[in-house]
Amino acid sequence: MQYLLMLHVEEAGWSKLPKAQQEEGVAAYAAYTEALKKAGVHKGSNRLQPTSAATTVRVANGKSQVQDGPYIESKEQIAGYYLIDVPDLDAAISWAARCPPQVTARSRCVPSGPCPPRHHPPREPMNLREGDAQARSIAER
């Protein structure tokens, strides 16, 4: 079964760490990623940009609303993720517990799988990073 391990951190925490601790954190995550790959459970991973780089899209009264930045103000953010394929939740928890603690405040394990069939016609895809004006005009349709 696939699980998404979401890595929650205090957004300003990394920049407050001394350079030596940052280097230790980078090395710890590289070793963790390598361990996941050697075990054959790593399916994907990435770190995310700060919440200030986010774009939030909400639909209200049938119209899309686009907002730059995070949806809510929070000290924590999801800084990255690992998608792993393991036999069960216990195995996912075991891998989450091994996630480097230098920066990660907590890891969250969420089962992942195929989406249920859609019961409504698909919308035209939006690429919000190709130009805000174009994306907003598509979103307002």
Protein backbone atom coordinates (compact mmCIF):
# COMPACT_ATOMS: atom_id res chain seq x y z
CA MET A 1 0.00 0.00 0.00
CA GLN A 2 1.26 3.49 -0.73
CA TYR A 3 1.54 6.10 2.01
CA LEU A 4 2.38 9.77 1.77
CA LEU A 5 4.70 10.85 4.58
CA MET A 6 4.16 14.60 4.95
CA LEU A 7 6.97 16.40 6.75
CA HIS A 8 5.73 19.26 8.93
CA VAL A 9 8.22 21.90 10.05
CA GLU A 10 8.28 25.32 11.64
CA GLU A 11 8.63 27.49 8.56
CA ALA A 12 11.25 29.86 9.99
CA GLY A 13 13.11 27.07 11.79
CA TRP A 14 15.61 26.19 9.06
CA SER A 15 16.98 29.71 8.67
CA LYS A 16 17.50 29.92 12.46
CA LEU A 17 19.77 26.85 12.50
CA PRO A 18 23.55 27.34 12.44
CA LYS A 19 25.17 26.36 9.13
CA ALA A 20 26.70 23.22 10.70
CA GLN A 21 23.25 21.99 11.80
CA GLN A 22 21.81 22.73 8.37
CA GLU A 23 24.57 20.62 6.79
CA GLU A 24 23.84 17.82 9.27
CA GLY A 25 20.16 18.02 8.36
CA VAL A 26 20.87 17.81 4.63
CA ALA A 27 23.15 14.80 5.20
CA ALA A 28 20.55 13.10 7.43
CA TYR A 29 17.82 13.51 4.80
CA ALA A 30 20.14 12.22 2.07
CA ALA A 31 20.88 9.12 4.19
CA TYR A 32 17.17 8.65 4.98
CA THR A 33 16.26 8.90 1.29
CA GLU A 34 19.00 6.41 0.41
CA ALA A 35 17.72 3.98 3.07
CA LEU A 36 14.19 4.19 1.63
CA LYS A 37 15.56 3.51 -1.86
CA LYS A 38 17.74 0.57 -0.72
CA ALA A 39 14.70 -0.95 1.02
CA GLY A 40 12.77 -0.65 -2.26
CA VAL A 41 9.93 1.37 -0.70
CA HIS A 42 10.75 4.85 -2.11
CA LYS A 43 8.31 5.88 -4.85
CA GLY A 44 8.94 9.62 -4.87
CA SER A 45 9.88 12.60 -2.74
CA ASN A 46 10.37 16.31 -2.95
CA ARG A 47 10.67 19.35 -0.77
CA LEU A 48 8.23 22.20 -1.11
CA GLN A 49 8.84 25.92 -1.52
CA PRO A 50 7.90 28.30 1.34
CA THR A 51 4.22 29.09 1.84
CA SER A 52 4.86 32.57 0.41
CA ALA A 53 5.32 30.88 -3.00
CA ALA A 54 1.95 29.10 -2.79
CA THR A 55 -1.20 29.89 -4.73
CA THR A 56 -4.54 28.96 -3.22
CA VAL A 57 -7.52 28.20 -5.45
CA ARG A 58 -11.01 28.03 -3.93
CA VAL A 59 -14.38 27.69 -5.59
CA ALA A 60 -17.20 29.77 -4.11
CA ASN A 61 -20.60 30.17 -5.72
CA GLY A 62 -19.35 28.37 -8.81
CA LYS A 63 -16.45 30.79 -9.39
CA SER A 64 -12.79 30.09 -8.80
CA GLN A 65 -10.95 32.47 -6.52
CA VAL A 66 -7.16 32.64 -6.77
CA GLN A 67 -5.11 33.94 -3.85
CA ASP A 68 -1.34 34.26 -3.69
CA GLY A 69 0.25 32.85 -0.56
CA PRO A 70 -1.00 30.35 1.98
CA TYR A 71 -4.65 29.71 2.74
CA ILE A 72 -4.12 30.18 6.48
CA GLU A 73 -1.40 31.71 8.59
CA SER A 74 0.51 29.04 10.48
CA LYS A 75 3.90 28.57 12.09
CA GLU A 76 4.10 25.09 10.58
CA GLN A 77 4.15 24.16 6.94
CA ILE A 78 4.46 20.98 4.96
CA ALA A 79 8.08 21.21 3.89
CA GLY A 80 8.18 18.08 1.80
CA TYR A 81 6.98 14.55 1.37
CA TYR A 82 7.98 10.98 0.71
CA LEU A 83 5.70 8.60 -1.18
CA ILE A 84 6.45 5.08 0.00
CA ASP A 85 5.03 1.65 -0.84
CA VAL A 86 4.95 -0.60 2.22
CA PRO A 87 2.81 -3.56 3.35
CA ASP A 88 0.77 -1.72 5.99
CA LEU A 89 0.36 1.26 8.32
CA ASP A 90 2.78 -0.22 10.88
CA ALA A 91 5.55 -0.23 8.26
CA ALA A 92 4.69 3.36 7.25
CA ILE A 93 4.83 4.44 10.90
CA SER A 94 8.19 2.70 11.30
CA TRP A 95 9.62 4.65 8.34
CA ALA A 96 8.07 7.93 9.55
CA ALA A 97 9.69 7.41 12.96
CA ARG A 98 13.10 7.20 11.26
CA CYS A 99 12.69 10.55 9.52
CA PRO A 100 15.51 12.90 10.58
CA PRO A 101 14.38 14.97 13.58
CA GLN A 102 16.82 17.87 13.06
CA VAL A 103 14.24 19.93 11.22
CA THR A 104 11.04 17.90 11.00
CA ALA A 105 8.62 18.69 13.81
CA ARG A 106 6.46 15.70 12.91
CA SER A 107 5.65 13.32 10.08
CA ARG A 108 2.13 12.41 9.07
CA CYS A 109 1.29 9.09 7.34
CA VAL A 110 -1.64 9.24 4.93
CA PRO A 111 -2.74 6.23 2.85
CA SER A 112 -2.62 6.93 -0.86
CA GLY A 113 -4.42 5.27 -3.72
CA PRO A 114 -6.42 5.81 -6.87
CA CYS A 115 -9.11 8.46 -6.80
CA PRO A 116 -12.73 7.37 -7.10
CA PRO A 117 -14.35 7.87 -10.51
CA ARG A 118 -15.37 11.43 -11.30
CA HIS A 119 -19.08 12.11 -11.47
CA HIS A 120 -18.79 15.49 -13.14
CA PRO A 121 -17.14 16.67 -16.36
CA PRO A 122 -13.44 17.52 -15.98
CA ARG A 123 -12.42 21.18 -15.97
CA GLU A 124 -9.77 22.60 -18.23
CA PRO A 125 -6.41 22.17 -16.46
CA MET A 126 -4.85 25.32 -15.00
CA ASN A 127 -1.14 26.02 -14.89
CA LEU A 128 -1.00 28.75 -12.27
CA ARG A 129 2.74 29.25 -12.66
CA GLU A 130 2.67 30.16 -16.39
CA GLY A 131 1.34 33.61 -15.80
CA ASP A 132 -1.09 34.80 -13.20
CA ALA A 133 -3.26 36.77 -15.64
CA GLN A 134 -3.78 33.79 -17.92
CA ALA A 135 -4.41 31.42 -14.99
CA ARG A 136 -6.86 33.80 -13.35
CA SER A 137 -8.83 34.26 -16.58
CA ILE A 138 -9.10 30.47 -16.97
CA ALA A 139 -10.04 30.10 -13.31
CA GLU A 140 -12.83 32.65 -13.61
CA ARG A 141 -14.64 30.71 -16.35
